[in-house]
Amino acid sequence: MKKRPLLVVCGLVIVLVVVFAIPPLFQSDPNTTFKKEIIEKIGDREVSAVKLIKSSDEKTFALRNKEDIHRMLDAMSSVELEKANRHQDAAKDTYSMLILVQGKPTFSVFWDDNNNVQILDSENETHHLYKVKNASALDPIKNYWNHET
């Protein structure tokens, strides 16, 4: 008689785990945006600077003017991202964006000419890999190196 209540309790625990824990794992949306991953995490805190770096020729631009920073982040907010497990293509050019929030380096974003993106969040100690779904959304940053700003 003692085995039966134990089996019922174990079965109930297994059913609860299957019903409540497993479905959310499969329902997570692999799609996100630059706005969700960075801008919303910054919130109402001040972005003190944005540093842009192109690795192939080491060109660097630092945006310190609030209007320029706002314009850049606003333009980047529409970048659509899809989670990736790893980057498969070798890239010719790599671009970096370092975002300083209240004077502290908070986000580092690296993307390449194959539209692979890595986002490092130093506050939350997270690292995510993405593929850019709408490559033309990166044009505002690339324009800095083409002197079109």
N, C-alpha and C. Protein backbone atom coordinates (compact mmCIF):
# COMPACT_ATOMS: atom_id res chain seq x y z
N MET A 1 0.80 -1.20 0.00
CA MET A 1 0.00 0.00 0.00
C MET A 1 0.85 1.27 0.00
N LYS A 2 2.07 1.27 0.57
CA LYS A 2 2.89 2.46 0.63
C LYS A 2 3.42 2.86 -0.74
N LYS A 3 3.62 1.92 -1.65
CA LYS A 3 4.18 2.23 -2.97
C LYS A 3 3.19 3.01 -3.84
N ARG A 4 1.95 2.72 -3.70
CA ARG A 4 0.96 3.35 -4.56
C ARG A 4 0.87 4.87 -4.37
N PRO A 5 0.78 5.41 -3.16
CA PRO A 5 0.76 6.87 -2.99
C PRO A 5 2.05 7.52 -3.50
N LEU A 6 3.18 6.86 -3.33
CA LEU A 6 4.44 7.39 -3.81
C LEU A 6 4.45 7.45 -5.34
N LEU A 7 3.93 6.43 -5.99
CA LEU A 7 3.86 6.43 -7.46
C LEU A 7 2.91 7.51 -7.96
N VAL A 8 1.81 7.73 -7.27
CA VAL A 8 0.85 8.76 -7.67
C VAL A 8 1.50 10.14 -7.55
N VAL A 9 2.20 10.38 -6.45
CA VAL A 9 2.86 11.68 -6.25
C VAL A 9 3.95 11.89 -7.30
N CYS A 10 4.76 10.88 -7.57
CA CYS A 10 5.81 10.99 -8.61
C CYS A 10 5.19 11.24 -9.98
N GLY A 11 4.14 10.55 -10.30
CA GLY A 11 3.46 10.75 -11.58
C GLY A 11 2.90 12.16 -11.70
N LEU A 12 2.33 12.65 -10.61
CA LEU A 12 1.78 14.01 -10.60
C LEU A 12 2.89 15.05 -10.79
N VAL A 13 4.02 14.86 -10.15
CA VAL A 13 5.15 15.78 -10.30
C VAL A 13 5.65 15.77 -11.75
N ILE A 14 5.76 14.61 -12.35
CA ILE A 14 6.21 14.51 -13.74
C ILE A 14 5.23 15.22 -14.67
N VAL A 15 3.95 15.02 -14.47
CA VAL A 15 2.94 15.67 -15.30
C VAL A 15 3.04 17.19 -15.15
N LEU A 16 3.19 17.69 -13.93
CA LEU A 16 3.30 19.13 -13.71
C LEU A 16 4.54 19.71 -14.39
N VAL A 17 5.65 19.01 -14.32
CA VAL A 17 6.87 19.47 -14.99
C VAL A 17 6.65 19.53 -16.49
N VAL A 18 6.06 18.50 -17.06
CA VAL A 18 5.83 18.46 -18.50
C VAL A 18 4.87 19.58 -18.93
N VAL A 19 3.84 19.81 -18.17
CA VAL A 19 2.82 20.79 -18.53
C VAL A 19 3.32 22.23 -18.37
N PHE A 20 4.06 22.52 -17.29
CA PHE A 20 4.43 23.90 -17.00
C PHE A 20 5.85 24.29 -17.37
N ALA A 21 6.78 23.38 -17.39
CA ALA A 21 8.18 23.75 -17.62
C ALA A 21 8.63 23.59 -19.06
N ILE A 22 8.20 22.60 -19.74
CA ILE A 22 8.70 22.32 -21.09
C ILE A 22 8.11 23.23 -22.16
N PRO A 23 6.81 23.51 -22.22
CA PRO A 23 6.28 24.36 -23.30
C PRO A 23 6.93 25.73 -23.43
N PRO A 24 7.21 26.47 -22.34
CA PRO A 24 7.86 27.77 -22.51
C PRO A 24 9.22 27.69 -23.20
N LEU A 25 9.91 26.59 -23.05
CA LEU A 25 11.20 26.43 -23.71
C LEU A 25 11.06 26.41 -25.22
N PHE A 26 9.99 25.85 -25.72
CA PHE A 26 9.78 25.75 -27.15
C PHE A 26 9.02 26.93 -27.73
N GLN A 27 8.42 27.74 -26.88
CA GLN A 27 7.64 28.87 -27.36
C GLN A 27 8.43 30.16 -27.41
N SER A 28 9.69 30.17 -26.97
CA SER A 28 10.45 31.42 -27.00
C SER A 28 10.67 31.87 -28.43
N ASP A 29 10.47 33.14 -28.66
CA ASP A 29 10.57 33.71 -29.99
C ASP A 29 12.03 33.96 -30.34
N PRO A 30 12.52 33.39 -31.44
CA PRO A 30 13.93 33.59 -31.81
C PRO A 30 14.16 34.95 -32.45
N ASN A 31 13.11 35.71 -32.68
CA ASN A 31 13.23 37.01 -33.33
C ASN A 31 13.17 38.13 -32.31
N THR A 32 13.98 39.16 -32.55
CA THR A 32 14.01 40.31 -31.67
C THR A 32 14.46 41.51 -32.49
N THR A 33 14.68 42.62 -31.83
CA THR A 33 15.15 43.82 -32.52
C THR A 33 16.27 44.46 -31.69
N PHE A 34 17.01 45.35 -32.33
CA PHE A 34 18.03 46.13 -31.64
C PHE A 34 17.38 46.92 -30.51
N LYS A 35 16.17 47.40 -30.75
CA LYS A 35 15.45 48.18 -29.74
C LYS A 35 15.21 47.35 -28.48
N LYS A 36 14.74 46.12 -28.64
CA LYS A 36 14.46 45.26 -27.49
C LYS A 36 15.74 44.85 -26.76
N GLU A 37 16.78 44.56 -27.52
CA GLU A 37 18.01 44.04 -26.92
C GLU A 37 18.88 45.12 -26.29
N ILE A 38 18.76 46.36 -26.74
CA ILE A 38 19.65 47.40 -26.21
C ILE A 38 18.87 48.62 -25.72
N ILE A 39 18.12 49.24 -26.58
CA ILE A 39 17.48 50.52 -26.23
C ILE A 39 16.54 50.38 -25.04
N GLU A 40 15.72 49.34 -25.02
CA GLU A 40 14.80 49.16 -23.90
C GLU A 40 15.55 48.83 -22.61
N LYS A 41 16.70 48.18 -22.71
CA LYS A 41 17.49 47.87 -21.51
C LYS A 41 18.18 49.11 -20.97
N ILE A 42 18.47 50.08 -21.84
CA ILE A 42 19.05 51.35 -21.39
C ILE A 42 18.00 52.14 -20.62
N GLY A 43 16.77 52.07 -21.10
CA GLY A 43 15.67 52.76 -20.44
C GLY A 43 15.84 54.26 -20.50
N ASP A 44 15.62 54.93 -19.37
CA ASP A 44 15.71 56.39 -19.35
C ASP A 44 17.08 56.89 -18.89
N ARG A 45 18.04 55.99 -18.78
CA ARG A 45 19.40 56.41 -18.40
C ARG A 45 20.08 57.13 -19.57
N GLU A 46 21.03 57.96 -19.27
CA GLU A 46 21.71 58.76 -20.29
C GLU A 46 22.79 57.95 -21.01
N VAL A 47 22.75 57.99 -22.33
CA VAL A 47 23.82 57.41 -23.14
C VAL A 47 24.84 58.53 -23.32
N SER A 48 26.02 58.38 -22.70
CA SER A 48 27.01 59.46 -22.72
C SER A 48 27.86 59.47 -23.98
N ALA A 49 28.01 58.32 -24.65
CA ALA A 49 28.79 58.28 -25.89
C ALA A 49 28.51 56.97 -26.62
N VAL A 50 28.72 57.03 -27.93
CA VAL A 50 28.67 55.84 -28.77
C VAL A 50 29.95 55.88 -29.61
N LYS A 51 30.75 54.83 -29.51
CA LYS A 51 31.99 54.76 -30.26
C LYS A 51 31.83 53.72 -31.37
N LEU A 52 32.12 54.13 -32.59
CA LEU A 52 32.00 53.26 -33.75
C LEU A 52 33.39 52.96 -34.30
N ILE A 53 33.67 51.69 -34.57
CA ILE A 53 34.99 51.27 -35.04
C ILE A 53 34.82 50.32 -36.22
N LYS A 54 35.61 50.53 -37.26
CA LYS A 54 35.67 49.62 -38.40
C LYS A 54 37.03 48.93 -38.36
N SER A 55 37.04 47.61 -38.27
CA SER A 55 38.28 46.88 -38.04
C SER A 55 39.24 46.88 -39.22
N SER A 56 38.73 46.85 -40.45
CA SER A 56 39.61 46.70 -41.61
C SER A 56 40.57 47.86 -41.79
N ASP A 57 40.13 49.08 -41.49
CA ASP A 57 41.02 50.23 -41.65
C ASP A 57 41.15 51.03 -40.35
N GLU A 58 40.59 50.52 -39.28
CA GLU A 58 40.66 51.10 -37.94
C GLU A 58 40.11 52.52 -37.87
N LYS A 59 39.16 52.85 -38.75
CA LYS A 59 38.49 54.14 -38.65
C LYS A 59 37.61 54.13 -37.41
N THR A 60 37.63 55.23 -36.68
CA THR A 60 36.87 55.34 -35.44
C THR A 60 36.11 56.65 -35.41
N PHE A 61 34.88 56.60 -34.93
CA PHE A 61 34.06 57.79 -34.73
C PHE A 61 33.46 57.70 -33.34
N ALA A 62 33.47 58.80 -32.62
CA ALA A 62 32.83 58.85 -31.32
C ALA A 62 31.72 59.88 -31.36
N LEU A 63 30.54 59.46 -31.05
CA LEU A 63 29.39 60.37 -30.98
C LEU A 63 29.19 60.76 -29.52
N ARG A 64 29.26 62.06 -29.25
CA ARG A 64 29.08 62.55 -27.88
C ARG A 64 27.91 63.53 -27.79
N ASN A 65 27.51 64.07 -28.91
CA ASN A 65 26.39 65.00 -28.96
C ASN A 65 25.10 64.21 -28.77
N LYS A 66 24.25 64.65 -27.85
CA LYS A 66 23.03 63.91 -27.54
C LYS A 66 22.12 63.71 -28.74
N GLU A 67 22.03 64.72 -29.61
CA GLU A 67 21.19 64.58 -30.79
C GLU A 67 21.74 63.52 -31.74
N ASP A 68 23.08 63.52 -31.93
CA ASP A 68 23.70 62.51 -32.80
C ASP A 68 23.51 61.11 -32.24
N ILE A 69 23.68 60.97 -30.94
CA ILE A 69 23.50 59.66 -30.29
C ILE A 69 22.05 59.21 -30.44
N HIS A 70 21.12 60.09 -30.17
CA HIS A 70 19.71 59.75 -30.28
C HIS A 70 19.36 59.36 -31.72
N ARG A 71 19.86 60.12 -32.69
CA ARG A 71 19.58 59.84 -34.10
C ARG A 71 20.14 58.45 -34.48
N MET A 72 21.35 58.13 -34.02
CA MET A 72 21.96 56.83 -34.33
C MET A 72 21.18 55.69 -33.70
N LEU A 73 20.87 55.79 -32.43
CA LEU A 73 20.13 54.72 -31.75
C LEU A 73 18.72 54.58 -32.31
N ASP A 74 18.11 55.70 -32.65
CA ASP A 74 16.78 55.65 -33.25
C ASP A 74 16.82 54.93 -34.60
N ALA A 75 17.83 55.23 -35.40
CA ALA A 75 17.97 54.56 -36.70
C ALA A 75 18.23 53.06 -36.52
N MET A 76 18.98 52.71 -35.50
CA MET A 76 19.30 51.29 -35.26
C MET A 76 18.13 50.52 -34.65
N SER A 77 17.16 51.21 -34.07
CA SER A 77 16.06 50.52 -33.39
C SER A 77 15.26 49.61 -34.31
N SER A 78 15.28 49.89 -35.61
CA SER A 78 14.51 49.07 -36.55
C SER A 78 15.26 47.83 -37.04
N VAL A 79 16.50 47.63 -36.59
CA VAL A 79 17.26 46.45 -37.02
C VAL A 79 16.59 45.21 -36.43
N GLU A 80 16.17 44.30 -37.32
CA GLU A 80 15.52 43.06 -36.90
C GLU A 80 16.57 41.97 -36.80
N LEU A 81 16.51 41.22 -35.70
CA LEU A 81 17.51 40.19 -35.42
C LEU A 81 16.86 38.83 -35.26
N GLU A 82 17.59 37.80 -35.67
CA GLU A 82 17.15 36.43 -35.49
C GLU A 82 18.26 35.69 -34.77
N LYS A 83 17.92 34.99 -33.69
CA LYS A 83 18.94 34.28 -32.92
C LYS A 83 19.68 33.27 -33.79
N ALA A 84 20.97 33.15 -33.52
CA ALA A 84 21.82 32.21 -34.23
C ALA A 84 22.64 31.43 -33.21
N ASN A 85 22.99 30.21 -33.56
CA ASN A 85 23.83 29.41 -32.67
C ASN A 85 25.30 29.74 -32.86
N ARG A 86 25.67 30.03 -34.09
CA ARG A 86 27.06 30.39 -34.39
C ARG A 86 27.10 31.08 -35.74
N HIS A 87 28.17 31.83 -35.94
CA HIS A 87 28.37 32.51 -37.22
C HIS A 87 29.15 31.58 -38.13
N GLN A 88 28.66 31.39 -39.33
CA GLN A 88 29.25 30.40 -40.22
C GLN A 88 30.16 31.01 -41.28
N ASP A 89 29.94 32.24 -41.66
CA ASP A 89 30.68 32.83 -42.76
C ASP A 89 31.87 33.65 -42.27
N ALA A 90 32.95 33.60 -43.03
CA ALA A 90 34.11 34.45 -42.74
C ALA A 90 33.80 35.85 -43.28
N ALA A 91 34.13 36.85 -42.51
CA ALA A 91 33.79 38.22 -42.88
C ALA A 91 35.03 39.00 -43.31
N LYS A 92 34.81 39.91 -44.26
CA LYS A 92 35.89 40.78 -44.70
C LYS A 92 36.01 41.98 -43.77
N ASP A 93 34.90 42.61 -43.46
CA ASP A 93 34.88 43.78 -42.58
C ASP A 93 34.08 43.49 -41.32
N THR A 94 34.58 44.00 -40.22
CA THR A 94 33.87 43.90 -38.95
C THR A 94 33.70 45.30 -38.39
N TYR A 95 32.52 45.58 -37.90
CA TYR A 95 32.20 46.87 -37.32
C TYR A 95 31.89 46.67 -35.84
N SER A 96 32.21 47.67 -35.04
CA SER A 96 31.93 47.61 -33.61
C SER A 96 31.24 48.88 -33.16
N MET A 97 30.39 48.72 -32.18
CA MET A 97 29.72 49.85 -31.56
C MET A 97 29.81 49.65 -30.05
N LEU A 98 30.42 50.59 -29.38
CA LEU A 98 30.52 50.57 -27.93
C LEU A 98 29.59 51.65 -27.40
N ILE A 99 28.64 51.25 -26.57
CA ILE A 99 27.66 52.20 -26.03
C ILE A 99 27.97 52.42 -24.55
N LEU A 100 28.24 53.67 -24.22
CA LEU A 100 28.52 54.04 -22.84
C LEU A 100 27.27 54.63 -22.22
N VAL A 101 26.80 54.01 -21.15
CA VAL A 101 25.61 54.48 -20.45
C VAL A 101 26.07 55.05 -19.12
N GLN A 102 25.77 56.31 -18.92
CA GLN A 102 26.19 57.03 -17.72
C GLN A 102 27.69 56.89 -17.49
N GLY A 103 28.45 56.98 -18.58
CA GLY A 103 29.90 56.96 -18.52
C GLY A 103 30.54 55.59 -18.46
N LYS A 104 29.75 54.53 -18.39
CA LYS A 104 30.29 53.17 -18.28
C LYS A 104 30.05 52.40 -19.56
N PRO A 105 31.06 51.68 -20.07
CA PRO A 105 30.84 50.82 -21.25
C PRO A 105 29.83 49.73 -20.88
N THR A 106 28.68 49.78 -21.51
CA THR A 106 27.58 48.89 -21.12
C THR A 106 27.27 47.85 -22.19
N PHE A 107 27.21 48.27 -23.45
CA PHE A 107 26.92 47.35 -24.54
C PHE A 107 28.02 47.42 -25.58
N SER A 108 28.42 46.26 -26.05
CA SER A 108 29.33 46.16 -27.18
C SER A 108 28.61 45.37 -28.25
N VAL A 109 28.53 45.95 -29.44
CA VAL A 109 27.85 45.30 -30.56
C VAL A 109 28.87 45.13 -31.68
N PHE A 110 28.98 43.91 -32.18
CA PHE A 110 29.90 43.61 -33.27
C PHE A 110 29.10 43.01 -34.40
N TRP A 111 29.26 43.54 -35.60
CA TRP A 111 28.59 42.95 -36.75
C TRP A 111 29.57 42.95 -37.91
N ASP A 112 29.30 42.11 -38.88
CA ASP A 112 30.20 41.99 -40.02
C ASP A 112 29.44 42.16 -41.32
N ASP A 113 30.19 42.14 -42.42
CA ASP A 113 29.56 42.36 -43.72
C ASP A 113 28.70 41.18 -44.16
N ASN A 114 28.66 40.10 -43.39
CA ASN A 114 27.77 38.97 -43.65
C ASN A 114 26.51 39.05 -42.79
N ASN A 115 26.33 40.20 -42.12
CA ASN A 115 25.15 40.47 -41.29
C ASN A 115 25.03 39.59 -40.05
N ASN A 116 26.16 39.12 -39.55
CA ASN A 116 26.20 38.44 -38.26
C ASN A 116 26.39 39.50 -37.17
N VAL A 117 25.72 39.34 -36.04
CA VAL A 117 25.79 40.31 -34.96
C VAL A 117 26.01 39.60 -33.63
N GLN A 118 26.91 40.18 -32.83
CA GLN A 118 27.11 39.72 -31.45
C GLN A 118 26.80 40.90 -30.55
N ILE A 119 26.04 40.67 -29.51
CA ILE A 119 25.74 41.72 -28.54
C ILE A 119 26.21 41.26 -27.17
N LEU A 120 27.12 42.06 -26.59
CA LEU A 120 27.62 41.80 -25.25
C LEU A 120 27.02 42.84 -24.32
N ASP A 121 26.39 42.39 -23.28
CA ASP A 121 25.78 43.26 -22.27
C ASP A 121 26.61 43.09 -21.00
N SER A 122 27.46 44.07 -20.69
CA SER A 122 28.37 43.93 -19.55
C SER A 122 27.64 44.06 -18.21
N GLU A 123 26.51 44.75 -18.18
CA GLU A 123 25.76 44.86 -16.92
C GLU A 123 25.17 43.52 -16.51
N ASN A 124 24.56 42.83 -17.47
CA ASN A 124 23.91 41.56 -17.18
C ASN A 124 24.79 40.36 -17.50
N GLU A 125 25.99 40.65 -17.98
CA GLU A 125 26.96 39.60 -18.33
C GLU A 125 26.36 38.57 -19.28
N THR A 126 25.76 39.08 -20.37
CA THR A 126 25.19 38.19 -21.37
C THR A 126 25.86 38.41 -22.72
N HIS A 127 25.79 37.39 -23.54
CA HIS A 127 26.38 37.41 -24.88
C HIS A 127 25.42 36.67 -25.80
N HIS A 128 24.96 37.35 -26.86
CA HIS A 128 24.02 36.73 -27.79
C HIS A 128 24.51 36.88 -29.22
N LEU A 129 24.24 35.87 -30.02
CA LEU A 129 24.57 35.88 -31.44
C LEU A 129 23.29 35.99 -32.25
N TYR A 130 23.33 36.81 -33.30
CA TYR A 130 22.16 37.03 -34.14
C TYR A 130 22.58 37.11 -35.60
N LYS A 131 21.58 37.00 -36.45
CA LYS A 131 21.69 37.27 -37.88
C LYS A 131 20.74 38.43 -38.15
N VAL A 132 21.23 39.46 -38.86
CA VAL A 132 20.39 40.61 -39.19
C VAL A 132 19.43 40.21 -40.30
N LYS A 133 18.15 40.45 -40.08
CA LYS A 133 17.12 40.09 -41.06
C LYS A 133 16.89 41.18 -42.09
N ASN A 134 17.11 42.43 -41.72
CA ASN A 134 16.92 43.55 -42.65
C ASN A 134 18.23 44.33 -42.74
N ALA A 135 19.13 43.87 -43.59
CA ALA A 135 20.49 44.41 -43.67
C ALA A 135 20.53 45.91 -43.96
N SER A 136 19.56 46.43 -44.69
CA SER A 136 19.58 47.86 -45.02
C SER A 136 19.45 48.74 -43.77
N ALA A 137 18.96 48.18 -42.67
CA ALA A 137 18.83 48.95 -41.44
C ALA A 137 20.19 49.32 -40.84
N LEU A 138 21.25 48.64 -41.27
CA LEU A 138 22.59 48.95 -40.78
C LEU A 138 23.24 50.11 -41.53
N ASP A 139 22.60 50.59 -42.58
CA ASP A 139 23.17 51.67 -43.40
C ASP A 139 23.54 52.93 -42.63
N PRO A 140 22.76 53.37 -41.63
CA PRO A 140 23.15 54.60 -40.92
C PRO A 140 24.56 54.51 -40.31
N ILE A 141 24.94 53.36 -39.83
CA ILE A 141 26.28 53.23 -39.25
C ILE A 141 27.32 53.13 -40.35
N LYS A 142 27.05 52.34 -41.37
CA LYS A 142 28.02 52.19 -42.46
C LYS A 142 28.25 53.52 -43.18
N ASN A 143 27.28 54.41 -43.17
CA ASN A 143 27.41 55.71 -43.80
C ASN A 143 28.53 56.55 -43.18
N TYR A 144 28.85 56.31 -41.92
CA TYR A 144 29.94 57.06 -41.30
C TYR A 144 31.26 56.82 -42.02
N TRP A 145 31.44 55.61 -42.53
CA TRP A 145 32.70 55.31 -43.22
C TRP A 145 32.63 55.67 -44.70
N ASN A 146 31.45 55.89 -45.20
CA ASN A 146 31.29 56.31 -46.60
C ASN A 146 31.13 57.82 -46.71
N HIS A 147 31.27 58.53 -45.61
CA HIS A 147 31.18 60.00 -45.56
C HIS A 147 29.84 60.51 -46.09
N GLU A 148 28.76 59.79 -45.77
CA GLU A 148 27.44 60.20 -46.22
C GLU A 148 26.61 60.79 -45.10
N THR A 149 27.20 61.03 -43.95
CA THR A 149 26.42 61.54 -42.83
C THR A 149 26.30 63.04 -42.86
